[in-house]
Amino acid sequence: MDFFVILKAVLAFVFVLGLLFVTLWGLKFLQTKIPSCKSFKKLSQKQRIEVLEIKKISAKNTLFLLRKDDKEYFVLSGGEQNLLLDVEKIKLEAVNRDEM
């Protein structure tokens, strides 16, 4: 009796994995074969904005490092207010501080 219970559990597990595989294959098929479908539209290879890093500072504040057209920015997001910081200015201030 135990053998049939184990066999039934294994077959159920294989069935669920098969359904997952078919679902993922279907989503991939829709993404590549139907480019007009907005839900599954592929992003272009040349993106202008890229998220490089995300750091949680506190429960409300998050720091993002973004790259846009070979220029990097820090964005401090929190609560109702967002703050944009230019990384080049931060790097320049760090270099000036090290020279002193």
PDB file of N, CA and C in Angstrom:
ATOM      1  N   MET A   1       0.811  -1.193   0.000  1.00  0.00           N
ATOM      2  CA  MET A   1       0.000   0.000   0.000  1.00  0.00           C
ATOM      3  C   MET A   1       0.856   1.259   0.000  1.00  0.00           C
ATOM      4  N   ASP A   2       1.955   1.233   0.745  1.00  0.00           N
ATOM      5  CA  ASP A   2       2.828   2.395   0.806  1.00  0.00           C
ATOM      6  C   ASP A   2       3.466   2.688  -0.545  1.00  0.00           C
ATOM      7  N   PHE A   3       3.756   1.648  -1.305  1.00  0.00           N
ATOM      8  CA  PHE A   3       4.366   1.828  -2.610  1.00  0.00           C
ATOM      9  C   PHE A   3       3.448   2.639  -3.531  1.00  0.00           C
ATOM     10  N   PHE A   4       2.155   2.357  -3.525  1.00  0.00           N
ATOM     11  CA  PHE A   4       1.212   3.058  -4.384  1.00  0.00           C
ATOM     12  C   PHE A   4       1.037   4.510  -3.961  1.00  0.00           C
ATOM     13  N   VAL A   5       1.112   4.794  -2.682  1.00  0.00           N
ATOM     14  CA  VAL A   5       1.008   6.173  -2.201  1.00  0.00           C
ATOM     15  C   VAL A   5       2.222   6.977  -2.651  1.00  0.00           C
ATOM     16  N   ILE A   6       3.401   6.363  -2.531  1.00  0.00           N
ATOM     17  CA  ILE A   6       4.632   7.043  -2.963  1.00  0.00           C
ATOM     18  C   ILE A   6       4.621   7.242  -4.474  1.00  0.00           C
ATOM     19  N   LEU A   7       4.183   6.209  -5.223  1.00  0.00           N
ATOM     20  CA  LEU A   7       4.103   6.312  -6.677  1.00  0.00           C
ATOM     21  C   LEU A   7       3.127   7.414  -7.085  1.00  0.00           C
ATOM     22  N   LYS A   8       2.008   7.488  -6.416  1.00  0.00           N
ATOM     23  CA  LYS A   8       1.001   8.517  -6.704  1.00  0.00           C
ATOM     24  C   LYS A   8       1.575   9.916  -6.433  1.00  0.00           C
ATOM     25  N   ALA A   9       2.326  10.085  -5.341  1.00  0.00           N
ATOM     26  CA  ALA A   9       2.924  11.376  -5.007  1.00  0.00           C
ATOM     27  C   ALA A   9       3.970  11.777  -6.048  1.00  0.00           C
ATOM     28  N   VAL A  10       4.781  10.820  -6.482  1.00  0.00           N
ATOM     29  CA  VAL A  10       5.811  11.106  -7.485  1.00  0.00           C
ATOM     30  C   VAL A  10       5.165  11.475  -8.812  1.00  0.00           C
ATOM     31  N   LEU A  11       4.144  10.737  -9.217  1.00  0.00           N
ATOM     32  CA  LEU A  11       3.453  11.061 -10.467  1.00  0.00           C
ATOM     33  C   LEU A  11       2.763  12.425 -10.401  1.00  0.00           C
ATOM     34  N   ALA A  12       2.204  12.774  -9.268  1.00  0.00           N
ATOM     35  CA  ALA A  12       1.590  14.094  -9.108  1.00  0.00           C
ATOM     36  C   ALA A  12       2.650  15.192  -9.213  1.00  0.00           C
ATOM     37  N   PHE A  13       3.815  14.951  -8.616  1.00  0.00           N
ATOM     38  CA  PHE A  13       4.906  15.924  -8.686  1.00  0.00           C
ATOM     39  C   PHE A  13       5.383  16.102 -10.124  1.00  0.00           C
ATOM     40  N   VAL A  14       5.543  15.008 -10.855  1.00  0.00           N
ATOM     41  CA  VAL A  14       5.957  15.068 -12.260  1.00  0.00           C
ATOM     42  C   VAL A  14       4.901  15.794 -13.087  1.00  0.00           C
ATOM     43  N   PHE A  15       3.631  15.556 -12.802  1.00  0.00           N
ATOM     44  CA  PHE A  15       2.553  16.235 -13.515  1.00  0.00           C
ATOM     45  C   PHE A  15       2.601  17.745 -13.294  1.00  0.00           C
ATOM     46  N   VAL A  16       2.825  18.175 -12.062  1.00  0.00           N
ATOM     47  CA  VAL A  16       2.908  19.613 -11.752  1.00  0.00           C
ATOM     48  C   VAL A  16       4.117  20.230 -12.441  1.00  0.00           C
ATOM     49  N   LEU A  17       5.253  19.534 -12.425  1.00  0.00           N
ATOM     50  CA  LEU A  17       6.432  20.047 -13.131  1.00  0.00           C
ATOM     51  C   LEU A  17       6.171  20.153 -14.632  1.00  0.00           C
ATOM     52  N   GLY A  18       5.450  19.193 -15.182  1.00  0.00           N
ATOM     53  CA  GLY A  18       5.095  19.246 -16.601  1.00  0.00           C
ATOM     54  C   GLY A  18       4.208  20.438 -16.916  1.00  0.00           C
ATOM     55  N   LEU A  19       3.227  20.691 -16.064  1.00  0.00           N
ATOM     56  CA  LEU A  19       2.369  21.864 -16.273  1.00  0.00           C
ATOM     57  C   LEU A  19       3.175  23.156 -16.197  1.00  0.00           C
ATOM     58  N   LEU A  20       4.099  23.230 -15.268  1.00  0.00           N
ATOM     59  CA  LEU A  20       4.951  24.410 -15.149  1.00  0.00           C
ATOM     60  C   LEU A  20       5.801  24.593 -16.402  1.00  0.00           C
ATOM     61  N   PHE A  21       6.376  23.509 -16.899  1.00  0.00           N
ATOM     62  CA  PHE A  21       7.181  23.567 -18.111  1.00  0.00           C
ATOM     63  C   PHE A  21       6.356  24.035 -19.311  1.00  0.00           C
ATOM     64  N   VAL A  22       5.160  23.494 -19.472  1.00  0.00           N
ATOM     65  CA  VAL A  22       4.297  23.881 -20.592  1.00  0.00           C
ATOM     66  C   VAL A  22       3.899  25.352 -20.482  1.00  0.00           C
ATOM     67  N   THR A  23       3.617  25.824 -19.277  1.00  0.00           N
ATOM     68  CA  THR A  23       3.257  27.227 -19.075  1.00  0.00           C
ATOM     69  C   THR A  23       4.418  28.144 -19.426  1.00  0.00           C
ATOM     70  N   LEU A  24       5.618  27.822 -18.946  1.00  0.00           N
ATOM     71  CA  LEU A  24       6.786  28.648 -19.258  1.00  0.00           C
ATOM     72  C   LEU A  24       7.110  28.623 -20.744  1.00  0.00           C
ATOM     73  N   TRP A  25       6.967  27.467 -21.384  1.00  0.00           N
ATOM     74  CA  TRP A  25       7.193  27.378 -22.822  1.00  0.00           C
ATOM     75  C   TRP A  25       6.179  28.237 -23.571  1.00  0.00           C
ATOM     76  N   GLY A  26       4.926  28.210 -23.130  1.00  0.00           N
ATOM     77  CA  GLY A  26       3.894  29.029 -23.769  1.00  0.00           C
ATOM     78  C   GLY A  26       4.172  30.519 -23.636  1.00  0.00           C
ATOM     79  N   LEU A  27       4.618  30.935 -22.461  1.00  0.00           N
ATOM     80  CA  LEU A  27       4.960  32.342 -22.280  1.00  0.00           C
ATOM     81  C   LEU A  27       6.132  32.750 -23.161  1.00  0.00           C
ATOM     82  N   LYS A  28       7.124  31.888 -23.278  1.00  0.00           N
ATOM     83  CA  LYS A  28       8.269  32.171 -24.144  1.00  0.00           C
ATOM     84  C   LYS A  28       7.819  32.233 -25.597  1.00  0.00           C
ATOM     85  N   PHE A  29       6.927  31.336 -25.991  1.00  0.00           N
ATOM     86  CA  PHE A  29       6.407  31.342 -27.356  1.00  0.00           C
ATOM     87  C   PHE A  29       5.674  32.644 -27.642  1.00  0.00           C
ATOM     88  N   LEU A  30       4.835  33.087 -26.712  1.00  0.00           N
ATOM     89  CA  LEU A  30       4.111  34.338 -26.910  1.00  0.00           C
ATOM     90  C   LEU A  30       5.060  35.533 -26.970  1.00  0.00           C
ATOM     91  N   GLN A  31       6.132  35.484 -26.196  1.00  0.00           N
ATOM     92  CA  GLN A  31       7.077  36.591 -26.165  1.00  0.00           C
ATOM     93  C   GLN A  31       7.822  36.716 -27.491  1.00  0.00           C
ATOM     94  N   THR A  32       8.197  35.606 -28.096  1.00  0.00           N
ATOM     95  CA  THR A  32       8.997  35.660 -29.316  1.00  0.00           C
ATOM     96  C   THR A  32       8.158  35.694 -30.587  1.00  0.00           C
ATOM     97  N   LYS A  33       6.997  35.086 -30.584  1.00  0.00           N
ATOM     98  CA  LYS A  33       6.214  34.967 -31.810  1.00  0.00           C
ATOM     99  C   LYS A  33       5.166  36.064 -31.986  1.00  0.00           C
ATOM    100  N   ILE A  34       4.766  36.718 -30.914  1.00  0.00           N
ATOM    101  CA  ILE A  34       3.716  37.730 -31.007  1.00  0.00           C
ATOM    102  C   ILE A  34       4.266  39.051 -30.469  1.00  0.00           C
ATOM    103  N   PRO A  35       5.036  39.794 -31.280  1.00  0.00           N
ATOM    104  CA  PRO A  35       5.652  41.017 -30.766  1.00  0.00           C
ATOM    105  C   PRO A  35       4.659  42.142 -30.527  1.00  0.00           C
ATOM    106  N   SER A  36       3.477  42.072 -31.110  1.00  0.00           N
ATOM    107  CA  SER A  36       2.513  43.147 -30.913  1.00  0.00           C
ATOM    108  C   SER A  36       1.776  43.043 -29.578  1.00  0.00           C
ATOM    109  N   CYS A  37       1.891  41.913 -28.904  1.00  0.00           N
ATOM    110  CA  CYS A  37       1.239  41.725 -27.618  1.00  0.00           C
ATOM    111  C   CYS A  37       1.998  42.534 -26.557  1.00  0.00           C
ATOM    112  N   LYS A  38       1.361  43.549 -25.995  1.00  0.00           N
ATOM    113  CA  LYS A  38       2.032  44.452 -25.074  1.00  0.00           C
ATOM    114  C   LYS A  38       2.459  43.766 -23.785  1.00  0.00           C
ATOM    115  N   SER A  39       1.733  42.750 -23.357  1.00  0.00           N
ATOM    116  CA  SER A  39       2.049  42.080 -22.103  1.00  0.00           C
ATOM    117  C   SER A  39       3.353  41.291 -22.186  1.00  0.00           C
ATOM    118  N   PHE A  40       3.697  40.801 -23.353  1.00  0.00           N
ATOM    119  CA  PHE A  40       4.870  39.949 -23.499  1.00  0.00           C
ATOM    120  C   PHE A  40       5.911  40.555 -24.425  1.00  0.00           C
ATOM    121  N   LYS A  41       5.890  41.866 -24.568  1.00  0.00           N
ATOM    122  CA  LYS A  41       6.806  42.533 -25.491  1.00  0.00           C
ATOM    123  C   LYS A  41       8.232  42.482 -24.946  1.00  0.00           C
ATOM    124  N   LYS A  42       9.164  42.094 -25.780  1.00  0.00           N
ATOM    125  CA  LYS A  42      10.569  42.043 -25.377  1.00  0.00           C
ATOM    126  C   LYS A  42      11.117  43.457 -25.301  1.00  0.00           C
ATOM    127  N   LEU A  43      11.995  43.680 -24.330  1.00  0.00           N
ATOM    128  CA  LEU A  43      12.680  44.957 -24.257  1.00  0.00           C
ATOM    129  C   LEU A  43      13.770  44.991 -25.317  1.00  0.00           C
ATOM    130  N   SER A  44      14.025  46.143 -25.848  1.00  0.00           N
ATOM    131  CA  SER A  44      15.064  46.257 -26.861  1.00  0.00           C
ATOM    132  C   SER A  44      16.429  46.013 -26.232  1.00  0.00           C
ATOM    133  N   GLN A  45      17.364  45.567 -27.034  1.00  0.00           N
ATOM    134  CA  GLN A  45      18.692  45.259 -26.530  1.00  0.00           C
ATOM    135  C   GLN A  45      19.436  46.522 -26.113  1.00  0.00           C
ATOM    136  N   LYS A  46      19.150  47.639 -26.768  1.00  0.00           N
ATOM    137  CA  LYS A  46      19.831  48.880 -26.431  1.00  0.00           C
ATOM    138  C   LYS A  46      18.902  49.728 -25.569  1.00  0.00           C
ATOM    139  N   GLN A  47      19.021  49.562 -24.290  1.00  0.00           N
ATOM    140  CA  GLN A  47      18.210  50.327 -23.364  1.00  0.00           C
ATOM    141  C   GLN A  47      18.985  51.566 -22.948  1.00  0.00           C
ATOM    142  N   ARG A  48      18.282  52.664 -22.795  1.00  0.00           N
ATOM    143  CA  ARG A  48      18.941  53.895 -22.384  1.00  0.00           C
ATOM    144  C   ARG A  48      19.077  53.980 -20.880  1.00  0.00           C
ATOM    145  N   ILE A  49      18.142  53.395 -20.136  1.00  0.00           N
ATOM    146  CA  ILE A  49      18.168  53.470 -18.676  1.00  0.00           C
ATOM    147  C   ILE A  49      18.372  52.062 -18.132  1.00  0.00           C
ATOM    148  N   GLU A  50      19.303  51.941 -17.182  1.00  0.00           N
ATOM    149  CA  GLU A  50      19.619  50.645 -16.596  1.00  0.00           C
ATOM    150  C   GLU A  50      19.787  50.809 -15.086  1.00  0.00           C
ATOM    151  N   VAL A  51      19.179  49.919 -14.321  1.00  0.00           N
ATOM    152  CA  VAL A  51      19.334  49.928 -12.865  1.00  0.00           C
ATOM    153  C   VAL A  51      20.551  49.080 -12.542  1.00  0.00           C
ATOM    154  N   LEU A  52      21.569  49.706 -11.956  1.00  0.00           N
ATOM    155  CA  LEU A  52      22.799  48.997 -11.643  1.00  0.00           C
ATOM    156  C   LEU A  52      22.774  48.372 -10.258  1.00  0.00           C
ATOM    157  N   GLU A  53      22.216  49.107  -9.288  1.00  0.00           N
ATOM    158  CA  GLU A  53      22.256  48.624  -7.911  1.00  0.00           C
ATOM    159  C   GLU A  53      21.125  49.268  -7.118  1.00  0.00           C
ATOM    160  N   ILE A  54      20.603  48.530  -6.137  1.00  0.00           N
ATOM    161  CA  ILE A  54      19.550  49.028  -5.243  1.00  0.00           C
ATOM    162  C   ILE A  54      19.967  48.715  -3.813  1.00  0.00           C
ATOM    163  N   LYS A  55      19.930  49.725  -2.949  1.00  0.00           N
ATOM    164  CA  LYS A  55      20.264  49.533  -1.530  1.00  0.00           C
ATOM    165  C   LYS A  55      19.155  50.109  -0.664  1.00  0.00           C
ATOM    166  N   LYS A  56      18.666  49.306   0.270  1.00  0.00           N
ATOM    167  CA  LYS A  56      17.689  49.789   1.251  1.00  0.00           C
ATOM    168  C   LYS A  56      18.449  50.500   2.353  1.00  0.00           C
ATOM    169  N   ILE A  57      18.131  51.769   2.583  1.00  0.00           N
ATOM    170  CA  ILE A  57      18.783  52.538   3.641  1.00  0.00           C
ATOM    171  C   ILE A  57      17.986  52.415   4.927  1.00  0.00           C
ATOM    172  N   SER A  58      16.685  52.542   4.816  1.00  0.00           N
ATOM    173  CA  SER A  58      15.807  52.362   5.965  1.00  0.00           C
ATOM    174  C   SER A  58      14.497  51.780   5.452  1.00  0.00           C
ATOM    175  N   ALA A  59      13.501  51.717   6.339  1.00  0.00           N
ATOM    176  CA  ALA A  59      12.214  51.142   5.940  1.00  0.00           C
ATOM    177  C   ALA A  59      11.547  51.970   4.847  1.00  0.00           C
ATOM    178  N   LYS A  60      11.771  53.284   4.854  1.00  0.00           N
ATOM    179  CA  LYS A  60      11.128  54.155   3.866  1.00  0.00           C
ATOM    180  C   LYS A  60      12.056  54.609   2.749  1.00  0.00           C
ATOM    181  N   ASN A  61      13.358  54.575   2.970  1.00  0.00           N
ATOM    182  CA  ASN A  61      14.308  55.148   2.013  1.00  0.00           C
ATOM    183  C   ASN A  61      15.078  54.065   1.269  1.00  0.00           C
ATOM    184  N   THR A  62      15.204  54.271  -0.042  1.00  0.00           N
ATOM    185  CA  THR A  62      15.940  53.360  -0.906  1.00  0.00           C
ATOM    186  C   THR A  62      16.851  54.178  -1.807  1.00  0.00           C
ATOM    187  N   LEU A  63      18.069  53.692  -2.008  1.00  0.00           N
ATOM    188  CA  LEU A  63      19.038  54.361  -2.872  1.00  0.00           C
ATOM    189  C   LEU A  63      19.222  53.518  -4.129  1.00  0.00           C
ATOM    190  N   PHE A  64      19.026  54.148  -5.298  1.00  0.00           N
ATOM    191  CA  PHE A  64      19.162  53.476  -6.586  1.00  0.00           C
ATOM    192  C   PHE A  64      20.371  54.050  -7.311  1.00  0.00           C
ATOM    193  N   LEU A  65      21.161  53.195  -7.930  1.00  0.00           N
ATOM    194  CA  LEU A  65      22.225  53.625  -8.820  1.00  0.00           C
ATOM    195  C   LEU A  65      21.762  53.313 -10.231  1.00  0.00           C
ATOM    196  N   LEU A  66      21.554  54.357 -11.037  1.00  0.00           N
ATOM    197  CA  LEU A  66      21.030  54.219 -12.390  1.00  0.00           C
ATOM    198  C   LEU A  66      22.078  54.669 -13.395  1.00  0.00           C
ATOM    199  N   ARG A  67      22.056  54.068 -14.588  1.00  0.00           N
ATOM    200  CA  ARG A  67      22.910  54.521 -15.685  1.00  0.00           C
ATOM    201  C   ARG A  67      22.020  54.920 -16.854  1.00  0.00           C
ATOM    202  N   LYS A  68      22.285  56.126 -17.378  1.00  0.00           N
ATOM    203  CA  LYS A  68      21.558  56.609 -18.546  1.00  0.00           C
ATOM    204  C   LYS A  68      22.572  57.173 -19.521  1.00  0.00           C
ATOM    205  N   ASP A  69      22.681  56.555 -20.677  1.00  0.00           N
ATOM    206  CA  ASP A  69      23.591  57.021 -21.724  1.00  0.00           C
ATOM    207  C   ASP A  69      24.996  57.274 -21.195  1.00  0.00           C
ATOM    208  N   ASP A  70      25.605  56.290 -20.578  1.00  0.00           N
ATOM    209  CA  ASP A  70      26.983  56.354 -20.065  1.00  0.00           C
ATOM    210  C   ASP A  70      27.175  57.377 -18.958  1.00  0.00           C
ATOM    211  N   LYS A  71      26.130  57.776 -18.292  1.00  0.00           N
ATOM    212  CA  LYS A  71      26.226  58.669 -17.145  1.00  0.00           C
ATOM    213  C   LYS A  71      25.462  58.032 -15.988  1.00  0.00           C
ATOM    214  N   GLU A  72      26.047  58.074 -14.797  1.00  0.00           N
ATOM    215  CA  GLU A  72      25.439  57.415 -13.653  1.00  0.00           C
ATOM    216  C   GLU A  72      24.819  58.440 -12.709  1.00  0.00           C
ATOM    217  N   TYR A  73      23.713  58.023 -12.071  1.00  0.00           N
ATOM    218  CA  TYR A  73      22.989  58.874 -11.137  1.00  0.00           C
ATOM    219  C   TYR A  73      22.613  58.068  -9.906  1.00  0.00           C
ATOM    220  N   PHE A  74      22.612  58.725  -8.770  1.00  0.00           N
ATOM    221  CA  PHE A  74      22.023  58.178  -7.561  1.00  0.00           C
ATOM    222  C   PHE A  74      20.635  58.787  -7.428  1.00  0.00           C
ATOM    223  N   VAL A  75      19.651  57.971  -7.124  1.00  0.00           N
ATOM    224  CA  VAL A  75      18.304  58.457  -6.840  1.00  0.00           C
ATOM    225  C   VAL A  75      17.941  57.961  -5.449  1.00  0.00           C
ATOM    226  N   LEU A  76      17.687  58.899  -4.559  1.00  0.00           N
ATOM    227  CA  LEU A  76      17.273  58.579  -3.205  1.00  0.00           C
ATOM    228  C   LEU A  76      15.759  58.691  -3.160  1.00  0.00           C
ATOM    229  N   SER A  77      15.105  57.567  -2.961  1.00  0.00           N
ATOM    230  CA  SER A  77      13.655  57.515  -2.978  1.00  0.00           C
ATOM    231  C   SER A  77      13.150  57.200  -1.581  1.00  0.00           C
ATOM    232  N   GLY A  78      12.173  58.001  -1.133  1.00  0.00           N
ATOM    233  CA  GLY A  78      11.624  57.738   0.184  1.00  0.00           C
ATOM    234  C   GLY A  78      10.423  58.604   0.471  1.00  0.00           C
ATOM    235  N   GLY A  79       9.404  57.986   1.010  1.00  0.00           N
ATOM    236  CA  GLY A  79       8.218  58.740   1.394  1.00  0.00           C
ATOM    237  C   GLY A  79       7.569  59.413   0.206  1.00  0.00           C
ATOM    238  N   GLU A  80       7.347  60.703   0.347  1.00  0.00           N
ATOM    239  CA  GLU A  80       6.691  61.473  -0.715  1.00  0.00           C
ATOM    240  C   GLU A  80       7.684  62.239  -1.575  1.00  0.00           C
ATOM    241  N   GLN A  81       8.970  62.081  -1.324  1.00  0.00           N
ATOM    242  CA  GLN A  81       9.964  62.903  -1.992  1.00  0.00           C
ATOM    243  C   GLN A  81      11.088  62.037  -2.545  1.00  0.00           C
ATOM    244  N   ASN A  82      11.540  62.349  -3.773  1.00  0.00           N
ATOM    245  CA  ASN A  82      12.679  61.679  -4.389  1.00  0.00           C
ATOM    246  C   ASN A  82      13.767  62.716  -4.618  1.00  0.00           C
ATOM    247  N   LEU A  83      15.025  62.289  -4.518  1.00  0.00           N
ATOM    248  CA  LEU A  83      16.154  63.194  -4.676  1.00  0.00           C
ATOM    249  C   LEU A  83      17.105  62.605  -5.695  1.00  0.00           C
ATOM    250  N   LEU A  84      17.489  63.407  -6.710  1.00  0.00           N
ATOM    251  CA  LEU A  84      18.404  62.972  -7.747  1.00  0.00           C
ATOM    252  C   LEU A  84      19.783  63.538  -7.456  1.00  0.00           C
ATOM    253  N   LEU A  85      20.784  62.652  -7.381  1.00  0.00           N
ATOM    254  CA  LEU A  85      22.160  63.053  -7.132  1.00  0.00           C
ATOM    255  C   LEU A  85      23.005  62.642  -8.323  1.00  0.00           C
ATOM    256  N   ASP A  86      23.869  63.541  -8.787  1.00  0.00           N
ATOM    257  CA  ASP A  86      24.757  63.247  -9.907  1.00  0.00           C
ATOM    258  C   ASP A  86      26.008  62.567  -9.380  1.00  0.00           C
ATOM    259  N   VAL A  87      26.329  61.392  -9.908  1.00  0.00           N
ATOM    260  CA  VAL A  87      27.465  60.616  -9.409  1.00  0.00           C
ATOM    261  C   VAL A  87      28.779  61.314  -9.726  1.00  0.00           C
ATOM    262  N   GLU A  88      28.868  61.995 -10.857  1.00  0.00           N
ATOM    263  CA  GLU A  88      30.113  62.666 -11.235  1.00  0.00           C
ATOM    264  C   GLU A  88      30.502  63.708 -10.188  1.00  0.00           C
ATOM    265  N   LYS A  89      29.537  64.441  -9.653  1.00  0.00           N
ATOM    266  CA  LYS A  89      29.828  65.434  -8.617  1.00  0.00           C
ATOM    267  C   LYS A  89      30.300  64.748  -7.342  1.00  0.00           C
ATOM    268  N   ILE A  90      29.701  63.609  -7.012  1.00  0.00           N
ATOM    269  CA  ILE A  90      30.096  62.868  -5.810  1.00  0.00           C
ATOM    270  C   ILE A  90      31.518  62.342  -5.975  1.00  0.00           C
ATOM    271  N   LYS A  91      31.858  61.809  -7.161  1.00  0.00           N
ATOM    272  CA  LYS A  91      33.205  61.311  -7.413  1.00  0.00           C
ATOM    273  C   LYS A  91      34.217  62.451  -7.361  1.00  0.00           C
ATOM    274  N   LEU A  92      33.861  63.612  -7.929  1.00  0.00           N
ATOM    275  CA  LEU A  92      34.753  64.762  -7.926  1.00  0.00           C
ATOM    276  C   LEU A  92      35.009  65.246  -6.503  1.00  0.00           C
ATOM    277  N   GLU A  93      33.985  65.293  -5.676  1.00  0.00           N
ATOM    278  CA  GLU A  93      34.156  65.697  -4.285  1.00  0.00           C
ATOM    279  C   GLU A  93      35.032  64.701  -3.534  1.00  0.00           C
ATOM    280  N   ALA A  94      34.905  63.406  -3.812  1.00  0.00           N
ATOM    281  CA  ALA A  94      35.725  62.399  -3.153  1.00  0.00           C
ATOM    282  C   ALA A  94      37.191  62.535  -3.565  1.00  0.00           C
ATOM    283  N   VAL A  95      37.440  62.832  -4.835  1.00  0.00           N
ATOM    284  CA  VAL A  95      38.809  63.012  -5.313  1.00  0.00           C
ATOM    285  C   VAL A  95      39.413  64.254  -4.665  1.00  0.00           C
ATOM    286  N   ASN A  96      38.660  65.338  -4.611  1.00  0.00           N
ATOM    287  CA  ASN A  96      39.161  66.572  -3.997  1.00  0.00           C
ATOM    288  C   ASN A  96      39.454  66.357  -2.514  1.00  0.00           C
ATOM    289  N   ARG A  97      38.649  65.594  -1.840  1.00  0.00           N
ATOM    290  CA  ARG A  97      38.847  65.327  -0.427  1.00  0.00           C
ATOM    291  C   ARG A  97      40.107  64.481  -0.207  1.00  0.00           C
ATOM    292  N   ASP A  98      40.363  63.533  -1.119  1.00  0.00           N
ATOM    293  CA  ASP A  98      41.543  62.686  -0.994  1.00  0.00           C
ATOM    294  C   ASP A  98      42.835  63.457  -1.270  1.00  0.00           C
ATOM    295  N   GLU A  99      42.759  64.486  -2.107  1.00  0.00           N
ATOM    296  CA  GLU A  99      43.947  65.283  -2.433  1.00  0.00           C
ATOM    297  C   GLU A  99      44.362  66.169  -1.272  1.00  0.00           C
ATOM    298  N   MET A 100      43.430  66.517  -0.405  1.00  0.00           N
ATOM    299  CA  MET A 100      43.754  67.423   0.709  1.00  0.00           C
ATOM    300  C   MET A 100      44.527  66.771   1.758  1.00  0.00           C
TER     301      MET A 100
END
